[in-house]
C-alpha atoms as a PDB file:
ATOM      1  CA  UNK A   1      -8.555   8.659   2.630  1.00  0.00           C
ATOM      2  CA  UNK A   2      -6.564   8.258  -0.588  1.00  0.00           C
ATOM      3  CA  UNK A   3      -6.393   4.477  -0.325  1.00  0.00           C
ATOM      4  CA  UNK A   4      -9.451   3.347  -2.346  1.00  0.00           C
ATOM      5  CA  UNK A   5      -8.306   5.226  -5.452  1.00  0.00           C
ATOM      6  CA  UNK A   6      -4.727   4.061  -4.983  1.00  0.00           C
ATOM      7  CA  UNK A   7      -5.679   0.432  -4.517  1.00  0.00           C
ATOM      8  CA  UNK A   8      -7.888   0.507  -7.606  1.00  0.00           C
ATOM      9  CA  UNK A   9      -4.972   1.908  -9.601  1.00  0.00           C
ATOM     10  CA  UNK A  10      -2.769  -0.957  -8.352  1.00  0.00           C
ATOM     11  CA  UNK A  11      -5.340  -3.456  -9.598  1.00  0.00           C
ATOM     12  CA  UNK A  12      -5.643  -1.648 -12.941  1.00  0.00           C
ATOM     13  CA  UNK A  13      -1.864  -1.581 -13.360  1.00  0.00           C
ATOM     14  CA  UNK A  14      -1.362  -5.350 -13.120  1.00  0.00           C
ATOM     15  CA  UNK A  15      -4.413  -6.029 -15.289  1.00  0.00           C
ATOM     16  CA  UNK A  16      -3.128  -3.522 -17.838  1.00  0.00           C
ATOM     17  CA  UNK A  17       0.058  -5.496 -18.523  1.00  0.00           C
ATOM     18  CA  UNK A  18      -1.562  -8.934 -18.659  1.00  0.00           C
ATOM     19  CA  UNK A  19      -1.142  -9.063 -22.439  1.00  0.00           C
ATOM     20  CA  UNK A  20       2.629  -8.630 -21.999  1.00  0.00           C
ATOM     21  CA  UNK A  21       2.938 -11.785 -19.907  1.00  0.00           C
ATOM     22  CA  UNK A  22       2.350 -14.033 -22.909  1.00  0.00           C
ATOM     23  CA  UNK A  23       4.879 -12.015 -24.923  1.00  0.00           C
ATOM     24  CA  UNK A  24       7.683 -12.194 -22.358  1.00  0.00           C
ATOM     25  CA  UNK A  25       7.156 -15.586 -20.704  1.00  0.00           C
ATOM     26  CA  UNK A  26       7.147 -18.665 -22.892  1.00  0.00           C
ATOM     27  CA  UNK A  27       6.950 -21.242 -20.115  1.00  0.00           C
ATOM     28  CA  UNK A  28       3.313 -22.149 -19.471  1.00  0.00           C
ATOM     29  CA  UNK A  29       3.886 -23.268 -15.866  1.00  0.00           C
ATOM     30  CA  UNK A  30       5.596 -19.969 -15.052  1.00  0.00           C
ATOM     31  CA  UNK A  31       2.723 -18.004 -16.587  1.00  0.00           C
ATOM     32  CA  UNK A  32       0.172 -19.937 -14.538  1.00  0.00           C
ATOM     33  CA  UNK A  33       2.130 -19.394 -11.325  1.00  0.00           C
ATOM     34  CA  UNK A  34       2.568 -15.694 -12.035  1.00  0.00           C
ATOM     35  CA  UNK A  35      -1.109 -15.161 -12.791  1.00  0.00           C
ATOM     36  CA  UNK A  36      -2.056 -17.022  -9.621  1.00  0.00           C
ATOM     37  CA  UNK A  37       0.087 -14.640  -7.521  1.00  0.00           C
ATOM     38  CA  UNK A  38      -1.451 -11.677  -9.352  1.00  0.00           C
ATOM     39  CA  UNK A  39      -4.947 -12.983  -8.645  1.00  0.00           C
ATOM     40  CA  UNK A  40      -4.102 -13.047  -4.918  1.00  0.00           C
ATOM     41  CA  UNK A  41      -2.683  -9.524  -5.190  1.00  0.00           C
ATOM     42  CA  UNK A  42      -5.867  -8.282  -6.859  1.00  0.00           C
ATOM     43  CA  UNK A  43      -8.091 -10.005  -4.296  1.00  0.00           C
ATOM     44  CA  UNK A  44      -6.207  -8.433  -1.400  1.00  0.00           C
ATOM     45  CA  UNK A  45      -6.166  -4.943  -2.901  1.00  0.00           C
ATOM     46  CA  UNK A  46      -9.862  -5.176  -3.803  1.00  0.00           C
ATOM     47  CA  UNK A  47     -10.669  -6.089  -0.200  1.00  0.00           C
ATOM     48  CA  UNK A  48      -8.561  -3.196   1.102  1.00  0.00           C
ATOM     49  CA  UNK A  49     -10.373  -0.835  -1.272  1.00  0.00           C
ATOM     50  CA  UNK A  50     -13.762  -2.118  -0.066  1.00  0.00           C
ATOM     51  CA  UNK A  51     -12.958  -1.786   3.649  1.00  0.00           C
ATOM     52  CA  UNK A  52     -11.348   1.647   3.360  1.00  0.00           C
ATOM     53  CA  UNK A  53     -14.254   2.895   1.252  1.00  0.00           C
ATOM     54  CA  UNK A  54     -16.544   1.999   4.153  1.00  0.00           C
ATOM     55  CA  UNK A  55     -14.231   3.770   6.586  1.00  0.00           C
ATOM     56  CA  UNK A  56     -14.112   6.883   4.367  1.00  0.00           C
ATOM     57  CA  UNK A  57     -17.917   6.916   4.269  1.00  0.00           C
ATOM     58  CA  UNK A  58     -17.925   7.158   8.079  1.00  0.00           C
ATOM     59  CA  UNK A  59     -15.477  10.074   7.907  1.00  0.00           C
ATOM     60  CA  UNK A  60     -17.608  11.745   5.225  1.00  0.00           C
ATOM     61  CA  UNK A  61     -20.689  11.439   7.437  1.00  0.00           C
ATOM     62  CA  UNK A  62     -18.751  13.218  10.186  1.00  0.00           C
ATOM     63  CA  UNK A  63     -17.976  16.118   7.848  1.00  0.00           C
ATOM     64  CA  UNK A  64     -14.446  15.194   6.768  1.00  0.00           C
ATOM     65  CA  UNK A  65     -14.514  15.889   3.048  1.00  0.00           C
ATOM     66  CA  UNK A  66     -12.109  14.039   0.751  1.00  0.00           C
ATOM     67  CA  UNK A  67     -10.296  16.990  -0.812  1.00  0.00           C
ATOM     68  CA  UNK A  68      -7.609  15.080  -2.734  1.00  0.00           C
ATOM     69  CA  UNK A  69      -9.810  12.534  -4.496  1.00  0.00           C
ATOM     70  CA  UNK A  70     -10.486  14.726  -7.539  1.00  0.00           C
ATOM     71  CA  UNK A  71      -6.832  15.646  -8.075  1.00  0.00           C
ATOM     72  CA  UNK A  72      -5.802  11.977  -7.794  1.00  0.00           C
ATOM     73  CA  UNK A  73      -8.479  10.982 -10.316  1.00  0.00           C
ATOM     74  CA  UNK A  74      -7.141  13.544 -12.796  1.00  0.00           C
ATOM     75  CA  UNK A  75      -3.617  12.274 -12.232  1.00  0.00           C
ATOM     76  CA  UNK A  76      -4.701   8.683 -12.892  1.00  0.00           C
ATOM     77  CA  UNK A  77      -6.466   9.755 -16.089  1.00  0.00           C
ATOM     78  CA  UNK A  78      -3.157  11.074 -17.400  1.00  0.00           C
ATOM     79  CA  UNK A  79      -1.480   7.772 -16.536  1.00  0.00           C
ATOM     80  CA  UNK A  80      -4.086   5.858 -18.545  1.00  0.00           C
ATOM     81  CA  UNK A  81      -2.895   7.640 -21.681  1.00  0.00           C
ATOM     82  CA  UNK A  82       0.678   6.412 -21.165  1.00  0.00           C
ATOM     83  CA  UNK A  83       2.264   3.010 -21.635  1.00  0.00           C
ATOM     84  CA  UNK A  84       0.847   0.525 -19.072  1.00  0.00           C
ATOM     85  CA  UNK A  85       4.362  -0.207 -17.785  1.00  0.00           C
ATOM     86  CA  UNK A  86       4.503   3.357 -16.421  1.00  0.00           C
ATOM     87  CA  UNK A  87       1.476   2.744 -14.210  1.00  0.00           C
ATOM     88  CA  UNK A  88       3.021  -0.545 -13.097  1.00  0.00           C
ATOM     89  CA  UNK A  89       6.229   1.302 -12.166  1.00  0.00           C
ATOM     90  CA  UNK A  90       4.131   3.689 -10.078  1.00  0.00           C
ATOM     91  CA  UNK A  91       2.501   0.714  -8.360  1.00  0.00           C
ATOM     92  CA  UNK A  92       5.942  -0.695  -7.512  1.00  0.00           C
ATOM     93  CA  UNK A  93       6.863   2.644  -5.959  1.00  0.00           C
ATOM     94  CA  UNK A  94       3.746   2.984  -3.809  1.00  0.00           C
ATOM     95  CA  UNK A  95       3.897  -0.679  -2.813  1.00  0.00           C
ATOM     96  CA  UNK A  96       7.423  -0.146  -1.482  1.00  0.00           C
ATOM     97  CA  UNK A  97       6.285   2.890   0.460  1.00  0.00           C
ATOM     98  CA  UNK A  98       3.345   1.059   2.040  1.00  0.00           C
ATOM     99  CA  UNK A  99       5.473  -2.037   2.731  1.00  0.00           C
ATOM    100  CA  UNK A 100       7.943   0.049   4.759  1.00  0.00           C
ATOM    101  CA  UNK A 101       5.169   1.700   6.766  1.00  0.00           C
ATOM    102  CA  UNK A 102       3.585  -1.715   7.313  1.00  0.00           C
ATOM    103  CA  UNK A 103       6.848  -3.267   8.451  1.00  0.00           C
ATOM    104  CA  UNK A 104       7.333  -0.499  11.028  1.00  0.00           C
ATOM    105  CA  UNK A 105       3.835  -1.067  12.426  1.00  0.00           C
ATOM    106  CA  UNK A 106       4.305  -4.824  12.675  1.00  0.00           C
ATOM    107  CA  UNK A 107       7.720  -4.774  14.338  1.00  0.00           C
ATOM    108  CA  UNK A 108       7.082  -1.818  16.643  1.00  0.00           C
ATOM    109  CA  UNK A 109       3.889  -2.367  18.698  1.00  0.00           C
ATOM    110  CA  UNK A 110       4.282   1.089  20.243  1.00  0.00           C
ATOM    111  CA  UNK A 111       3.458   2.612  16.840  1.00  0.00           C
ATOM    112  CA  UNK A 112      -0.150   1.424  17.102  1.00  0.00           C
ATOM    113  CA  UNK A 113      -0.785   0.759  20.786  1.00  0.00           C
ATOM    114  CA  UNK A 114      -2.635   4.056  21.348  1.00  0.00           C
ATOM    115  CA  UNK A 115      -5.100   3.353  18.525  1.00  0.00           C
ATOM    116  CA  UNK A 116      -8.714   2.492  19.210  1.00  0.00           C
ATOM    117  CA  UNK A 117      -8.762  -1.367  19.195  1.00  0.00           C
ATOM    118  CA  UNK A 118     -10.893  -1.778  16.059  1.00  0.00           C
ATOM    119  CA  UNK A 119      -8.750   0.690  14.127  1.00  0.00           C
ATOM    120  CA  UNK A 120      -5.582  -1.031  15.320  1.00  0.00           C
ATOM    121  CA  UNK A 121      -6.940  -4.331  14.059  1.00  0.00           C
ATOM    122  CA  UNK A 122      -7.819  -2.783  10.697  1.00  0.00           C
ATOM    123  CA  UNK A 123      -4.405  -1.231  10.165  1.00  0.00           C
ATOM    124  CA  UNK A 124      -2.375  -4.223  11.296  1.00  0.00           C
ATOM    125  CA  UNK A 125      -4.427  -6.548   9.094  1.00  0.00           C
ATOM    126  CA  UNK A 126      -3.798  -4.213   6.168  1.00  0.00           C
ATOM    127  CA  UNK A 127      -0.104  -3.996   7.059  1.00  0.00           C
ATOM    128  CA  UNK A 128       0.151  -7.774   7.160  1.00  0.00           C
ATOM    129  CA  UNK A 129      -1.222  -8.199   3.639  1.00  0.00           C
ATOM    130  CA  UNK A 130       0.863  -5.340   2.254  1.00  0.00           C
ATOM    131  CA  UNK A 131       3.972  -7.030   3.646  1.00  0.00           C
ATOM    132  CA  UNK A 132       2.932 -10.345   2.170  1.00  0.00           C
ATOM    133  CA  UNK A 133       2.492  -9.114  -1.412  1.00  0.00           C
ATOM    134  CA  UNK A 134       5.123  -6.348  -1.384  1.00  0.00           C
ATOM    135  CA  UNK A 135       7.194  -7.914  -4.174  1.00  0.00           C
ATOM    136  CA  UNK A 136       4.404  -8.975  -6.561  1.00  0.00           C
ATOM    137  CA  UNK A 137       4.249  -5.804  -8.678  1.00  0.00           C
ATOM    138  CA  UNK A 138       8.037  -5.364  -8.501  1.00  0.00           C
ATOM    139  CA  UNK A 139       8.721  -8.902  -9.748  1.00  0.00           C
ATOM    140  CA  UNK A 140       6.168  -8.452 -12.514  1.00  0.00           C
ATOM    141  CA  UNK A 141       7.776  -5.182 -13.616  1.00  0.00           C
ATOM    142  CA  UNK A 142      11.212  -6.780 -13.726  1.00  0.00           C
ATOM    143  CA  UNK A 143       9.977  -9.934 -15.465  1.00  0.00           C
ATOM    144  CA  UNK A 144       8.324  -7.870 -18.194  1.00  0.00           C
ATOM    145  CA  UNK A 145      11.528  -5.973 -18.924  1.00  0.00           C
ATOM    146  CA  UNK A 146      10.853  -2.801 -16.951  1.00  0.00           C
ATOM    147  CA  UNK A 147      13.674  -0.247 -17.090  1.00  0.00           C
ATOM    148  CA  UNK A 148      15.636   0.937 -14.050  1.00  0.00           C
ATOM    149  CA  UNK A 149      15.316   4.566 -15.107  1.00  0.00           C
ATOM    150  CA  UNK A 150      11.529   4.264 -15.232  1.00  0.00           C
ATOM    151  CA  UNK A 151      11.429   2.515 -11.854  1.00  0.00           C
ATOM    152  CA  UNK A 152      13.463   5.254 -10.143  1.00  0.00           C
ATOM    153  CA  UNK A 153      11.620   8.126 -11.868  1.00  0.00           C
ATOM    154  CA  UNK A 154       8.275   6.681 -10.772  1.00  0.00           C
ATOM    155  CA  UNK A 155       9.546   6.351  -7.202  1.00  0.00           C
ATOM    156  CA  UNK A 156      10.731   9.961  -7.004  1.00  0.00           C
ATOM    157  CA  UNK A 157       7.360  11.141  -8.265  1.00  0.00           C
ATOM    158  CA  UNK A 158       5.473   8.824  -5.909  1.00  0.00           C
ATOM    159  CA  UNK A 159       7.470  10.041  -2.870  1.00  0.00           C
ATOM    160  CA  UNK A 160       6.594  13.634  -3.679  1.00  0.00           C
ATOM    161  CA  UNK A 161       2.928  13.012  -4.492  1.00  0.00           C
ATOM    162  CA  UNK A 162       2.295  10.779  -1.484  1.00  0.00           C
ATOM    163  CA  UNK A 163       3.649  13.431   0.875  1.00  0.00           C
ATOM    164  CA  UNK A 164       1.746  16.196  -0.925  1.00  0.00           C
ATOM    165  CA  UNK A 165      -1.576  14.346  -0.875  1.00  0.00           C
ATOM    166  CA  UNK A 166      -1.176  13.412   2.785  1.00  0.00           C
ATOM    167  CA  UNK A 167      -0.233  16.986   3.725  1.00  0.00           C
ATOM    168  CA  UNK A 168      -3.184  18.539   1.894  1.00  0.00           C
ATOM    169  CA  UNK A 169      -5.761  16.096   3.234  1.00  0.00           C
ATOM    170  CA  UNK A 170      -4.418  16.112   6.793  1.00  0.00           C
ATOM    171  CA  UNK A 171      -4.332  19.923   6.827  1.00  0.00           C
ATOM    172  CA  UNK A 172      -7.937  20.003   5.676  1.00  0.00           C
ATOM    173  CA  UNK A 173      -8.975  17.473   8.326  1.00  0.00           C
ATOM    174  CA  UNK A 174      -7.218  19.431  11.072  1.00  0.00           C
ATOM    175  CA  UNK A 175      -8.775  22.696   9.890  1.00  0.00           C
ATOM    176  CA  UNK A 176     -12.193  21.040   9.886  1.00  0.00           C
ATOM    177  CA  UNK A 177     -11.533  19.826  13.426  1.00  0.00           C
ATOM    178  CA  UNK A 178     -10.373  23.249  14.613  1.00  0.00           C
ATOM    179  CA  UNK A 179      -6.917  21.941  15.467  1.00  0.00           C
ATOM    180  CA  UNK A 180      -4.747  23.113  12.571  1.00  0.00           C
ATOM    181  CA  UNK A 181      -3.121  26.107  14.286  1.00  0.00           C
ATOM    182  CA  UNK A 182      -2.951  24.757  17.828  1.00  0.00           C
ATOM    183  CA  UNK A 183       0.583  24.507  19.338  1.00  0.00           C
ATOM    184  CA  UNK A 184      -0.260  20.963  20.454  1.00  0.00           C
ATOM    185  CA  UNK A 185      -0.804  19.985  16.824  1.00  0.00           C
ATOM    186  CA  UNK A 186       2.631  21.277  15.814  1.00  0.00           C
ATOM    187  CA  UNK A 187       4.187  19.463  18.763  1.00  0.00           C
ATOM    188  CA  UNK A 188       2.355  16.262  17.812  1.00  0.00           C
ATOM    189  CA  UNK A 189       3.689  16.509  14.252  1.00  0.00           C
ATOM    190  CA  UNK A 190       7.277  17.076  15.408  1.00  0.00           C
ATOM    191  CA  UNK A 191       7.011  14.198  17.859  1.00  0.00           C
ATOM    192  CA  UNK A 192       5.547  11.889  15.215  1.00  0.00           C
ATOM    193  CA  UNK A 193       8.461  12.512  12.848  1.00  0.00           C
ATOM    194  CA  UNK A 194      11.360  13.158  15.231  1.00  0.00           C
ATOM    195  CA  UNK A 195      10.404  11.544  18.540  1.00  0.00           C
ATOM    196  CA  UNK A 196      11.467   8.258  20.098  1.00  0.00           C
ATOM    197  CA  UNK A 197      10.694   5.013  18.209  1.00  0.00           C
ATOM    198  CA  UNK A 198      10.342   3.247  21.552  1.00  0.00           C
ATOM    199  CA  UNK A 199       7.247   5.386  22.106  1.00  0.00           C
ATOM    200  CA  UNK A 200       5.839   4.789  18.624  1.00  0.00           C
ATOM    201  CA  UNK A 201       7.191   8.041  17.189  1.00  0.00           C
ATOM    202  CA  UNK A 202      10.281   9.053  15.224  1.00  0.00           C
ATOM    203  CA  UNK A 203       9.000   7.823  11.869  1.00  0.00           C
ATOM    204  CA  UNK A 204      11.816   9.617  10.054  1.00  0.00           C
ATOM    205  CA  UNK A 205      14.376   7.518  11.936  1.00  0.00           C
ATOM    206  CA  UNK A 206      12.409   4.306  11.336  1.00  0.00           C
ATOM    207  CA  UNK A 207      11.705   4.730   7.615  1.00  0.00           C
ATOM    208  CA  UNK A 208      14.445   6.827   5.949  1.00  0.00           C
ATOM    209  CA  UNK A 209      17.023   4.083   5.363  1.00  0.00           C
ATOM    210  CA  UNK A 210      14.593   1.455   3.964  1.00  0.00           C
ATOM    211  CA  UNK A 211      12.860   4.070   1.807  1.00  0.00           C
ATOM    212  CA  UNK A 212      16.196   5.116   0.288  1.00  0.00           C
ATOM    213  CA  UNK A 213      17.118   1.470  -0.346  1.00  0.00           C
ATOM    214  CA  UNK A 214      14.783   1.536  -3.366  1.00  0.00           C
ATOM    215  CA  UNK A 215      17.388   3.558  -5.266  1.00  0.00           C
ATOM    216  CA  UNK A 216      19.921   0.691  -5.270  1.00  0.00           C
ATOM    217  CA  UNK A 217      20.345  -0.969  -8.648  1.00  0.00           C
ATOM    218  CA  UNK A 218      20.212  -4.453  -7.131  1.00  0.00           C
ATOM    219  CA  UNK A 219      17.251  -3.648  -4.880  1.00  0.00           C
ATOM    220  CA  UNK A 220      14.517  -6.199  -4.206  1.00  0.00           C
ATOM    221  CA  UNK A 221      11.639  -5.794  -1.682  1.00  0.00           C
ATOM    222  CA  UNK A 222      12.551  -9.037   0.072  1.00  0.00           C
ATOM    223  CA  UNK A 223      15.896  -7.551   1.115  1.00  0.00           C
ATOM    224  CA  UNK A 224      14.012  -5.563   3.750  1.00  0.00           C
ATOM    225  CA  UNK A 225      11.788  -6.522   6.654  1.00  0.00           C
ATOM    226  CA  UNK A 226      11.441  -9.592   8.819  1.00  0.00           C
ATOM    227  CA  UNK A 227       9.425 -12.286   7.036  1.00  0.00           C
ATOM    228  CA  UNK A 228       8.627 -13.982  10.338  1.00  0.00           C
ATOM    229  CA  UNK A 229       6.744 -10.979  11.728  1.00  0.00           C
ATOM    230  CA  UNK A 230       3.645 -11.076   9.493  1.00  0.00           C
ATOM    231  CA  UNK A 231       3.367 -14.858   9.867  1.00  0.00           C
ATOM    232  CA  UNK A 232       3.574 -14.583  13.648  1.00  0.00           C
ATOM    233  CA  UNK A 233       0.965 -11.841  13.735  1.00  0.00           C
ATOM    234  CA  UNK A 234      -1.365 -13.763  11.396  1.00  0.00           C
ATOM    235  CA  UNK A 235      -1.149 -16.866  13.563  1.00  0.00           C
ATOM    236  CA  UNK A 236      -1.699 -14.891  16.747  1.00  0.00           C
ATOM    237  CA  UNK A 237      -4.831 -13.234  15.367  1.00  0.00           C
ATOM    238  CA  UNK A 238      -6.207 -16.074  13.263  1.00  0.00           C
ATOM    239  CA  UNK A 239      -9.473 -15.909  15.207  1.00  0.00           C
ATOM    240  CA  UNK A 240     -10.029 -12.276  14.155  1.00  0.00           C
ATOM    241  CA  UNK A 241      -9.589 -12.525  10.393  1.00  0.00           C
ATOM    242  CA  UNK A 242      -7.988 -14.512   7.589  1.00  0.00           C
ATOM    243  CA  UNK A 243      -5.512 -13.323   4.991  1.00  0.00           C
ATOM    244  CA  UNK A 244      -7.264 -12.932   1.649  1.00  0.00           C
ATOM    245  CA  UNK A 245      -6.647 -15.826  -0.736  1.00  0.00           C
ATOM    246  CA  UNK A 246      -8.202 -16.475  -4.129  1.00  0.00           C
ATOM    247  CA  UNK A 247      -8.305 -20.259  -3.710  1.00  0.00           C
ATOM    248  CA  UNK A 248      -7.835 -20.548  -7.460  1.00  0.00           C
ATOM    249  CA  UNK A 249      -5.560 -19.535 -10.330  1.00  0.00           C
ATOM    250  CA  UNK A 250      -8.207 -18.447 -12.821  1.00  0.00           C
ATOM    251  CA  UNK A 251      -6.191 -15.442 -13.955  1.00  0.00           C
ATOM    252  CA  UNK A 252      -6.336 -11.667 -13.608  1.00  0.00           C
ATOM    253  CA  UNK A 253      -9.583 -10.219 -12.412  1.00  0.00           C
ATOM    254  CA  UNK A 254     -11.052 -13.532 -11.212  1.00  0.00           C
ATOM    255  CA  UNK A 255     -10.799 -13.945  -7.467  1.00  0.00           C
ATOM    256  CA  UNK A 256     -13.658 -16.203  -6.507  1.00  0.00           C
ATOM    257  CA  UNK A 257     -13.322 -17.765  -3.103  1.00  0.00           C
ATOM    258  CA  UNK A 258     -11.578 -14.775  -1.559  1.00  0.00           C
ATOM    259  CA  UNK A 259     -12.058 -14.300   2.161  1.00  0.00           C
ATOM    260  CA  UNK A 260     -11.544 -11.190   4.230  1.00  0.00           C
ATOM    261  CA  UNK A 261     -11.187 -10.195   7.819  1.00  0.00           C
ATOM    262  CA  UNK A 262     -14.206 -10.613  10.045  1.00  0.00           C
ATOM    263  CA  UNK A 263     -14.193  -7.172  11.649  1.00  0.00           C
ATOM    264  CA  UNK A 264     -15.717  -5.286   8.726  1.00  0.00           C
END
């Protein structure tokens, strides 16, 4: 339920540093290539925002109020008053988080096999694209001279805020559903975090090491994950949807020709 705001902030963060690209990169071919990759990133995140906004509208119609949206908006307003590289550092942090979750879903079918088929398709499509562009914001931050201290500080804050937002919204949803204080809910939570990965649970065991890898000084997103997995999944499900592509390199904010999955 937090995704539309988050994805818009990712788009804003890469657009916000566009003026720095000309200052830091003198090679014209490199600038064109970089802006083309950013255009794809923006197109994918804009499509994610659009699809999840539709999904949130369905939840809203069922009575599940988005309780964290206002607090996230206020947080983003504070970021807009800071240097644009700080928002980009935050994007790098959240992109790493989502890339790890996506990698787990793609390599462990048990993690999504109990989902309703349409929801499984939605989440695995999203996971595929997150895995594909997981290094775009990170490479941009590094190329523009981003500092290690800022990268790590943003990640620590993002880890805390992501858990806090998820806890608050999930608690509200469970309370609305009359399930918050049921013993089965507590057992479900413990199983989700500490259960067996072979059964799609045990997310602490599956994510802790790659999440902590971000603290290494020589870290790069491509050090983690299996690059063959998203390609294999995309090929297997090519009849269901297509990965979003801009089809052009017109620069930031211009993503004409983008396509999106056909299940929306």
